[in-house]
Amino acid sequence: MGNAFTWWAEHALWRVSRGLPRLVNIIAAKAMMLAYGRGAQQVTRRHVMAAARDTLAARKGVPIVPLAWGLVLLGLTAAAAAGWDNTLYVADLKSRSVIVYRLRYPPER
């Protein structure tokens, strides 16, 4: 007995699930049920794509808020590393805010 999934089906499964184990399991189970219902010997890319369309979590794109925060933090980190304005930026991810510390050299007494 060979693989249950064709190479293209495995690639499609990886792409639509974004590598998230929970989504891999859900979409793979739906694709296998679809292939079984159609009497196929292997799960094909078409089965995986149909299962992904049926799965709400797989239809979501890349969330923009975490991406935006990541870009902001990357810019702030680069600016702080460059010694820009002697300012230290600390991200508080729980409250989604940035704390700014002004550093003075030498420290005042």
Foldseek 3Di string as FASTA:
>chain_A
DDDQADPQLVVLLCVLQVNDPVSSVQLVVQLSVVCVVVVHSHRYNVSSVVSSVVDPVSPDDDDVVVVVLVVVVVVLVVCVVVVPQQKDWDADVVVRDIDIDRDDPPDDD
